Amino acid sequence: MGIRITFKLFATLQDYLPAEAKKTNALSLDLDDGTTVAQIVERFALPIKLVHLVLIDGNFVPPGERASRVLNDGDTLAIWPPVAGG
């Protein structure tokens, strides 16, 4: 079996998406059951210092929970880098 999620990267992290996903900054991913947020970060080789804000369906996932937070079918995982400015 498996699950399908929508994976979104924003700002400077968009560079880590495959070319076809850069227009929409979103990618559909087919994953194994039990895949965690941290495994997706590793799969796309995202620098941890740039993985600042992590949301699943709009809900914040604190850094301490990312290694254990399992993704579910239909989830949208969105990651933002630290944003400077004001």
Protein backbone atom coordinates (compact mmCIF):
# COMPACT_ATOMS: atom_id res chain seq x y z
CA MET A 1 0.00 0.00 0.00
CA GLY A 2 1.14 3.56 0.44
CA ILE A 3 0.06 7.14 0.70
CA ARG A 4 0.10 10.25 -1.45
CA ILE A 5 0.86 13.68 -0.05
CA THR A 6 1.38 17.16 -1.46
CA PHE A 7 4.84 18.52 -0.67
CA LYS A 8 5.40 22.28 -0.85
CA LEU A 9 8.59 24.27 -0.46
CA PHE A 10 8.69 28.04 -0.22
CA ALA A 11 11.18 30.87 -0.83
CA THR A 12 14.80 29.70 -1.16
CA LEU A 13 13.82 26.07 -0.52
CA GLN A 14 12.06 25.93 -3.90
CA ASP A 15 15.49 25.31 -5.45
CA TYR A 16 15.35 21.81 -3.97
CA LEU A 17 12.25 20.84 -5.94
CA PRO A 18 12.48 19.05 -9.28
CA ALA A 19 12.19 21.38 -12.27
CA GLU A 20 8.59 20.42 -13.08
CA ALA A 21 7.46 21.35 -9.56
CA LYS A 22 9.04 24.81 -9.42
CA LYS A 23 6.18 26.56 -11.24
CA THR A 24 3.65 25.60 -8.58
CA ASN A 25 6.13 25.02 -5.73
CA ALA A 26 4.23 21.79 -5.09
CA LEU A 27 4.90 18.14 -5.76
CA SER A 28 2.73 15.05 -5.32
CA LEU A 29 4.68 12.31 -3.57
CA ASP A 30 3.84 8.64 -3.31
CA LEU A 31 5.24 7.39 -0.02
CA ASP A 32 5.36 4.26 2.08
CA ASP A 33 3.06 4.07 5.08
CA GLY A 34 4.88 5.36 8.14
CA THR A 35 7.00 7.95 6.33
CA THR A 36 7.94 10.80 8.66
CA VAL A 37 8.52 14.51 8.11
CA ALA A 38 12.23 14.04 8.84
CA GLN A 39 12.50 11.35 6.13
CA ILE A 40 11.14 13.78 3.52
CA VAL A 41 13.63 16.45 4.64
CA GLU A 42 16.42 13.88 4.21
CA ARG A 43 15.12 12.61 0.87
CA PHE A 44 15.28 16.10 -0.63
CA ALA A 45 18.58 16.91 1.13
CA LEU A 46 17.13 20.03 2.70
CA PRO A 47 19.64 21.78 4.97
CA ILE A 48 18.29 21.51 8.51
CA LYS A 49 19.13 25.16 9.21
CA LEU A 50 16.75 26.11 6.39
CA VAL A 51 13.90 23.88 7.61
CA HIS A 52 12.37 26.50 9.85
CA LEU A 53 8.58 26.37 9.68
CA VAL A 54 6.98 22.97 9.05
CA LEU A 55 3.23 22.67 8.61
CA ILE A 56 1.02 19.68 7.94
CA ASP A 57 -2.38 20.80 6.68
CA GLY A 58 -1.69 24.20 8.22
CA ASN A 59 -0.74 22.81 11.65
CA PHE A 60 2.73 23.61 13.03
CA VAL A 61 5.04 20.65 13.62
CA PRO A 62 7.67 21.55 16.26
CA PRO A 63 11.28 20.51 15.55
CA GLY A 64 11.21 17.87 18.28
CA GLU A 65 8.29 16.05 16.65
CA ARG A 66 9.50 15.97 13.04
CA ALA A 67 11.38 12.67 13.36
CA SER A 68 8.31 10.91 14.76
CA ARG A 69 5.43 12.69 12.98
CA VAL A 70 4.07 10.25 10.43
CA LEU A 71 2.42 11.57 7.29
CA ASN A 72 -1.05 10.39 6.30
CA ASP A 73 -2.71 9.98 2.92
CA GLY A 74 -3.88 13.33 1.60
CA ASP A 75 -1.68 15.45 3.90
CA THR A 76 -0.06 18.64 2.64
CA LEU A 77 3.45 19.11 4.00
CA ALA A 78 4.73 22.67 3.65
CA ILE A 79 8.19 23.87 4.66
CA TRP A 80 9.48 27.44 4.87
CA PRO A 81 13.02 28.68 5.51
CA PRO A 82 13.66 31.40 8.10
CA VAL A 83 12.32 34.62 6.63
CA ALA A 84 14.32 37.80 7.18
CA GLY A 85 12.95 41.29 6.95
CA GLY A 86 10.03 43.06 8.45
